[in-house]
Amino acid sequence: MDPGPGKEEEVVEADLVLVNRQGLHARPSQMVVKTANDFASKIEISRDDQVVDAKSIMGVMMLAAEKGTVLKVRAQGPDAREAVQALKELFASGFGEEI
């Protein structure tokens, strides 16, 4: 299926808020990486001036983000919109943890 003109280079950004009590510790970081790896797009997450590859567990854990932190996600590629939406839903769910 042809994604159409310009679709493969689509860039989508969104702010993600950590709502779970313990923030972005090992298990939520692993869930972020697993979700990001489901997509072909390049996905980055940033906090202040630190930008990491969302498909790297070490990178995501380096963000050391606590509850209430706003992270920016940026995806570029053929499924960027879907990737950002999946991450928005994951963050909004609190990673299945106590909020």
C-alpha atoms as a PDB file:
ATOM      1  CA  MET A   1       0.000   0.000   0.000  1.00  0.00           C
ATOM      2  CA  ASP A   2       1.443   3.333  -1.051  1.00  0.00           C
ATOM      3  CA  PRO A   3       1.422   5.824   1.864  1.00  0.00           C
ATOM      4  CA  GLY A   4       0.894   8.704  -0.564  1.00  0.00           C
ATOM      5  CA  PRO A   5       2.965  11.776  -1.323  1.00  0.00           C
ATOM      6  CA  GLY A   6       4.794  13.238   1.649  1.00  0.00           C
ATOM      7  CA  LYS A   7       3.376  10.640   4.051  1.00  0.00           C
ATOM      8  CA  GLU A   8       6.683   8.869   4.650  1.00  0.00           C
ATOM      9  CA  GLU A   9       8.321  12.020   5.991  1.00  0.00           C
ATOM     10  CA  GLU A  10       5.450  13.143   8.196  1.00  0.00           C
ATOM     11  CA  VAL A  11       6.577  14.693  11.492  1.00  0.00           C
ATOM     12  CA  VAL A  12       4.271  14.619  14.502  1.00  0.00           C
ATOM     13  CA  GLU A  13       4.987  16.092  17.946  1.00  0.00           C
ATOM     14  CA  ALA A  14       3.120  16.000  21.232  1.00  0.00           C
ATOM     15  CA  ASP A  15       3.627  16.739  24.908  1.00  0.00           C
ATOM     16  CA  LEU A  16       3.342  13.751  27.228  1.00  0.00           C
ATOM     17  CA  VAL A  17       2.731  14.140  30.965  1.00  0.00           C
ATOM     18  CA  LEU A  18       3.839  11.480  33.428  1.00  0.00           C
ATOM     19  CA  VAL A  19       0.788  10.795  35.575  1.00  0.00           C
ATOM     20  CA  ASN A  20       1.862   7.635  37.406  1.00  0.00           C
ATOM     21  CA  ARG A  21       3.150   8.042  40.949  1.00  0.00           C
ATOM     22  CA  GLN A  22       6.661   6.663  40.375  1.00  0.00           C
ATOM     23  CA  GLY A  23       7.382   8.392  37.073  1.00  0.00           C
ATOM     24  CA  LEU A  24       9.534   6.920  34.338  1.00  0.00           C
ATOM     25  CA  HIS A  25      11.278   4.081  36.176  1.00  0.00           C
ATOM     26  CA  ALA A  26      12.416   0.764  34.639  1.00  0.00           C
ATOM     27  CA  ARG A  27       9.051  -0.846  33.840  1.00  0.00           C
ATOM     28  CA  PRO A  28       7.407   2.198  32.222  1.00  0.00           C
ATOM     29  CA  SER A  29      10.643   2.878  30.321  1.00  0.00           C
ATOM     30  CA  GLN A  30      10.531  -0.664  28.960  1.00  0.00           C
ATOM     31  CA  MET A  31       6.890  -0.151  27.931  1.00  0.00           C
ATOM     32  CA  VAL A  32       7.814   3.070  26.097  1.00  0.00           C
ATOM     33  CA  VAL A  33      10.617   1.293  24.222  1.00  0.00           C
ATOM     34  CA  LYS A  34       8.391  -1.680  23.359  1.00  0.00           C
ATOM     35  CA  THR A  35       5.674   0.642  22.047  1.00  0.00           C
ATOM     36  CA  ALA A  36       8.144   2.757  20.056  1.00  0.00           C
ATOM     37  CA  ASN A  37       9.666  -0.354  18.484  1.00  0.00           C
ATOM     38  CA  ASP A  38       6.246  -1.330  17.103  1.00  0.00           C
ATOM     39  CA  PHE A  39       6.606   1.518  14.579  1.00  0.00           C
ATOM     40  CA  ALA A  40       8.912   2.191  11.633  1.00  0.00           C
ATOM     41  CA  SER A  41       9.169   5.928  12.318  1.00  0.00           C
ATOM     42  CA  LYS A  42      12.116   7.523  14.073  1.00  0.00           C
ATOM     43  CA  ILE A  43      10.865   8.490  17.538  1.00  0.00           C
ATOM     44  CA  GLU A  44      12.599  10.797  19.980  1.00  0.00           C
ATOM     45  CA  ILE A  45      11.616  11.891  23.466  1.00  0.00           C
ATOM     46  CA  SER A  46      13.015  15.049  25.003  1.00  0.00           C
ATOM     47  CA  ARG A  47      13.134  16.677  28.398  1.00  0.00           C
ATOM     48  CA  ASP A  48      14.491  20.205  28.469  1.00  0.00           C
ATOM     49  CA  ASP A  49      17.551  20.008  26.189  1.00  0.00           C
ATOM     50  CA  GLN A  50      18.087  16.240  26.528  1.00  0.00           C
ATOM     51  CA  VAL A  51      16.900  14.260  23.488  1.00  0.00           C
ATOM     52  CA  VAL A  52      16.879  10.455  23.470  1.00  0.00           C
ATOM     53  CA  ASP A  53      15.903   7.675  21.085  1.00  0.00           C
ATOM     54  CA  ALA A  54      12.556   6.285  22.286  1.00  0.00           C
ATOM     55  CA  LYS A  55      13.629   2.855  21.017  1.00  0.00           C
ATOM     56  CA  SER A  56      16.591   2.734  23.434  1.00  0.00           C
ATOM     57  CA  ILE A  57      15.970   1.571  27.006  1.00  0.00           C
ATOM     58  CA  MET A  58      19.126   3.291  28.246  1.00  0.00           C
ATOM     59  CA  GLY A  59      18.140   6.532  26.560  1.00  0.00           C
ATOM     60  CA  VAL A  60      14.608   6.546  27.956  1.00  0.00           C
ATOM     61  CA  MET A  61      15.797   5.714  31.476  1.00  0.00           C
ATOM     62  CA  MET A  62      18.352   8.556  31.292  1.00  0.00           C
ATOM     63  CA  LEU A  63      15.458  11.028  31.233  1.00  0.00           C
ATOM     64  CA  ALA A  64      14.912  10.235  34.937  1.00  0.00           C
ATOM     65  CA  ALA A  65      11.477  11.854  34.818  1.00  0.00           C
ATOM     66  CA  GLU A  66       9.236  11.983  37.867  1.00  0.00           C
ATOM     67  CA  LYS A  67       5.456  12.330  38.145  1.00  0.00           C
ATOM     68  CA  GLY A  68       4.220  15.564  36.603  1.00  0.00           C
ATOM     69  CA  THR A  69       7.135  15.895  34.174  1.00  0.00           C
ATOM     70  CA  VAL A  70       6.191  16.970  30.655  1.00  0.00           C
ATOM     71  CA  LEU A  71       8.154  15.190  27.948  1.00  0.00           C
ATOM     72  CA  LYS A  72       8.015  16.016  24.254  1.00  0.00           C
ATOM     73  CA  VAL A  73       7.715  13.184  21.771  1.00  0.00           C
ATOM     74  CA  ARG A  74       8.657  13.682  18.122  1.00  0.00           C
ATOM     75  CA  ALA A  75       8.114  11.040  15.467  1.00  0.00           C
ATOM     76  CA  GLN A  76       9.118  11.188  11.830  1.00  0.00           C
ATOM     77  CA  GLY A  77       8.215   8.570   9.281  1.00  0.00           C
ATOM     78  CA  PRO A  78       5.412   6.651   7.599  1.00  0.00           C
ATOM     79  CA  ASP A  79       3.520   5.860  10.814  1.00  0.00           C
ATOM     80  CA  ALA A  80       4.479   8.912  12.885  1.00  0.00           C
ATOM     81  CA  ARG A  81       0.904   9.886  13.729  1.00  0.00           C
ATOM     82  CA  GLU A  82       0.042   6.378  14.910  1.00  0.00           C
ATOM     83  CA  ALA A  83       3.264   6.133  16.942  1.00  0.00           C
ATOM     84  CA  VAL A  84       2.620   9.392  18.773  1.00  0.00           C
ATOM     85  CA  GLN A  85      -0.982   8.403  19.445  1.00  0.00           C
ATOM     86  CA  ALA A  86       0.109   5.050  20.908  1.00  0.00           C
ATOM     87  CA  LEU A  87       2.603   6.781  23.207  1.00  0.00           C
ATOM     88  CA  LYS A  88       0.013   9.386  24.248  1.00  0.00           C
ATOM     89  CA  GLU A  89      -2.356   6.577  25.241  1.00  0.00           C
ATOM     90  CA  LEU A  90       0.391   4.720  27.111  1.00  0.00           C
ATOM     91  CA  PHE A  91       1.349   7.818  29.123  1.00  0.00           C
ATOM     92  CA  ALA A  92      -2.309   8.697  29.806  1.00  0.00           C
ATOM     93  CA  SER A  93      -2.916   5.177  31.154  1.00  0.00           C
ATOM     94  CA  GLY A  94      -0.234   5.712  33.795  1.00  0.00           C
ATOM     95  CA  PHE A  95       1.466   2.537  32.505  1.00  0.00           C
ATOM     96  CA  GLY A  96      -1.143   0.523  34.392  1.00  0.00           C
ATOM     97  CA  GLU A  97       0.237   1.818  37.699  1.00  0.00           C
ATOM     98  CA  GLU A  98      -1.245   3.791  40.550  1.00  0.00           C
ATOM     99  CA  ILE A  99      -1.746   7.398  39.574  1.00  0.00           C
END
